[in-house]
Amino acid sequence: MIITTPSAVTINRILLQESVTTHSERVEAHAVDARINNEWKEIANATNIGYKRILRFPK
C-alpha cells in the first residue's frame, strides 16, 4: 500500500493492525519504506503485527 499526502509530512511512528478476530494472525514480516530526498528508504521493519503494532523511527 502507498500512502500519499498533499504535501510533505514529518512522522516518527506508524500504527498497523490485523483483523485477528476474523482472520487470525496472517502477517509474518513487514517493512515500511519512505520516499526521502527523492529516494525510497526502508525506515522500519518487524515480524508479526497481531492486534496492533506501533513502529517507531527517527523523524
N, C-alpha and C. Protein backbone atom coordinates (compact mmCIF):
# COMPACT_ATOMS: atom_id res chain seq x y z
N MET A 1 0.83 -1.16 0.00
CA MET A 1 0.00 0.00 0.00
C MET A 1 0.89 1.24 0.00
N ILE A 2 0.50 2.24 -0.74
CA ILE A 2 1.21 3.52 -0.76
C ILE A 2 0.28 4.59 -0.20
N ILE A 3 0.77 5.34 0.78
CA ILE A 3 0.01 6.45 1.36
C ILE A 3 0.61 7.73 0.81
N THR A 4 -0.24 8.54 0.19
CA THR A 4 0.21 9.80 -0.41
C THR A 4 -0.45 10.96 0.32
N THR A 5 0.33 11.98 0.65
CA THR A 5 -0.21 13.18 1.30
C THR A 5 -0.10 14.36 0.34
N PRO A 6 -0.98 15.36 0.48
CA PRO A 6 -0.94 16.51 -0.43
C PRO A 6 0.36 17.30 -0.36
N SER A 7 0.98 17.29 0.81
CA SER A 7 2.27 17.98 0.96
C SER A 7 3.15 17.12 1.86
N ALA A 8 4.41 17.47 1.94
CA ALA A 8 5.36 16.69 2.75
C ALA A 8 4.95 16.72 4.22
N VAL A 9 5.09 15.57 4.88
CA VAL A 9 4.80 15.48 6.31
C VAL A 9 5.99 14.82 7.01
N THR A 10 6.14 15.12 8.29
CA THR A 10 7.18 14.50 9.10
C THR A 10 6.49 13.60 10.11
N ILE A 11 6.87 12.33 10.13
CA ILE A 11 6.28 11.38 11.08
C ILE A 11 7.40 10.63 11.79
N ASN A 12 7.06 10.05 12.95
CA ASN A 12 8.06 9.24 13.64
C ASN A 12 7.46 7.93 14.16
N ARG A 13 6.23 7.62 13.72
CA ARG A 13 5.62 6.33 14.06
C ARG A 13 4.47 6.02 13.12
N ILE A 14 4.16 4.73 13.02
CA ILE A 14 3.02 4.29 12.22
C ILE A 14 2.37 3.13 12.96
N LEU A 15 1.05 3.08 12.93
CA LEU A 15 0.30 2.03 13.62
C LEU A 15 -0.30 1.10 12.58
N LEU A 16 -0.07 -0.20 12.75
CA LEU A 16 -0.62 -1.23 11.86
C LEU A 16 -1.47 -2.18 12.69
N GLN A 17 -2.58 -2.67 12.10
CA GLN A 17 -3.43 -3.62 12.79
C GLN A 17 -3.88 -4.71 11.83
N GLU A 18 -4.12 -5.91 12.39
CA GLU A 18 -4.70 -7.01 11.64
C GLU A 18 -6.06 -7.33 12.23
N SER A 19 -6.93 -7.89 11.44
CA SER A 19 -8.23 -8.33 11.92
C SER A 19 -8.10 -9.74 12.48
N VAL A 20 -7.51 -9.86 13.66
CA VAL A 20 -7.21 -11.17 14.24
C VAL A 20 -8.47 -11.92 14.67
N THR A 21 -9.55 -11.20 14.96
CA THR A 21 -10.77 -11.88 15.40
C THR A 21 -11.45 -12.63 14.26
N THR A 22 -11.32 -12.15 13.04
CA THR A 22 -11.98 -12.81 11.90
C THR A 22 -11.02 -13.58 11.00
N HIS A 23 -9.75 -13.21 10.97
CA HIS A 23 -8.82 -13.85 10.05
C HIS A 23 -7.55 -14.39 10.72
N SER A 24 -7.46 -14.33 12.02
CA SER A 24 -6.28 -14.72 12.80
C SER A 24 -5.05 -13.92 12.36
N GLU A 25 -3.90 -14.23 12.91
CA GLU A 25 -2.69 -13.52 12.53
C GLU A 25 -2.16 -14.08 11.22
N ARG A 26 -1.95 -13.22 10.23
CA ARG A 26 -1.52 -13.66 8.91
C ARG A 26 -0.16 -13.09 8.50
N VAL A 27 0.19 -11.92 8.99
CA VAL A 27 1.44 -11.26 8.60
C VAL A 27 2.59 -11.85 9.42
N GLU A 28 3.61 -12.34 8.73
CA GLU A 28 4.79 -12.91 9.40
C GLU A 28 5.94 -11.91 9.47
N ALA A 29 6.00 -11.00 8.51
CA ALA A 29 7.04 -9.98 8.48
C ALA A 29 6.56 -8.82 7.62
N HIS A 30 7.03 -7.62 7.93
CA HIS A 30 6.64 -6.44 7.16
C HIS A 30 7.72 -5.37 7.27
N ALA A 31 7.65 -4.41 6.35
CA ALA A 31 8.60 -3.29 6.34
C ALA A 31 7.87 -2.03 5.90
N VAL A 32 8.38 -0.89 6.32
CA VAL A 32 7.83 0.41 5.92
C VAL A 32 8.93 1.18 5.22
N ASP A 33 8.63 1.64 4.01
CA ASP A 33 9.57 2.45 3.23
C ASP A 33 9.03 3.86 3.12
N ALA A 34 9.93 4.83 3.02
CA ALA A 34 9.54 6.23 2.84
C ALA A 34 10.37 6.84 1.72
N ARG A 35 9.77 7.76 1.02
CA ARG A 35 10.50 8.47 -0.04
C ARG A 35 11.17 9.68 0.62
N ILE A 36 12.48 9.60 0.77
CA ILE A 36 13.28 10.64 1.43
C ILE A 36 14.30 11.15 0.42
N ASN A 37 14.28 12.47 0.18
CA ASN A 37 15.19 13.08 -0.80
C ASN A 37 15.10 12.39 -2.15
N ASN A 38 13.86 12.13 -2.59
CA ASN A 38 13.60 11.52 -3.90
C ASN A 38 14.12 10.09 -4.02
N GLU A 39 14.29 9.41 -2.90
CA GLU A 39 14.80 8.04 -2.91
C GLU A 39 14.03 7.21 -1.88
N TRP A 40 13.64 5.97 -2.24
CA TRP A 40 12.94 5.09 -1.31
C TRP A 40 13.94 4.49 -0.33
N LYS A 41 13.61 4.60 0.98
CA LYS A 41 14.47 4.04 2.02
C LYS A 41 13.60 3.28 3.01
N GLU A 42 14.09 2.12 3.47
CA GLU A 42 13.38 1.38 4.50
C GLU A 42 13.60 2.07 5.83
N ILE A 43 12.50 2.44 6.51
CA ILE A 43 12.64 3.16 7.77
C ILE A 43 12.26 2.30 8.98
N ALA A 44 11.59 1.17 8.76
CA ALA A 44 11.22 0.29 9.87
C ALA A 44 10.87 -1.08 9.32
N ASN A 45 11.08 -2.11 10.16
CA ASN A 45 10.63 -3.46 9.81
C ASN A 45 10.43 -4.24 11.09
N ALA A 46 9.62 -5.27 11.02
CA ALA A 46 9.33 -6.08 12.20
C ALA A 46 8.73 -7.41 11.75
N THR A 47 8.45 -8.26 12.72
CA THR A 47 7.82 -9.55 12.41
C THR A 47 6.31 -9.37 12.48
N ASN A 48 5.61 -10.22 13.18
CA ASN A 48 4.15 -10.21 13.15
C ASN A 48 3.56 -8.86 13.60
N ILE A 49 2.31 -8.62 13.17
CA ILE A 49 1.59 -7.40 13.55
C ILE A 49 0.64 -7.70 14.70
N GLY A 50 -0.13 -8.79 14.58
CA GLY A 50 -1.10 -9.12 15.62
C GLY A 50 -2.21 -8.09 15.69
N TYR A 51 -2.80 -7.95 16.88
CA TYR A 51 -3.90 -6.98 17.05
C TYR A 51 -3.43 -5.57 16.71
N LYS A 52 -2.24 -5.19 17.19
CA LYS A 52 -1.75 -3.83 16.94
C LYS A 52 -0.23 -3.79 17.06
N ARG A 53 0.42 -3.11 16.12
CA ARG A 53 1.87 -2.92 16.17
C ARG A 53 2.14 -1.45 15.88
N ILE A 54 2.87 -0.80 16.76
CA ILE A 54 3.29 0.59 16.54
C ILE A 54 4.78 0.57 16.23
N LEU A 55 5.14 1.01 15.05
CA LEU A 55 6.54 1.09 14.64
C LEU A 55 7.02 2.51 14.86
N ARG A 56 8.11 2.64 15.60
CA ARG A 56 8.69 3.97 15.88
C ARG A 56 10.03 4.08 15.16
N PHE A 57 10.33 5.28 14.68
CA PHE A 57 11.57 5.51 13.95
C PHE A 57 11.92 6.99 14.06
N PRO A 58 13.16 7.38 13.75
CA PRO A 58 13.53 8.80 13.81
C PRO A 58 12.71 9.64 12.82
N LYS A 59 12.53 10.91 13.13
CA LYS A 59 11.80 11.82 12.22
C LYS A 59 12.48 11.89 10.88
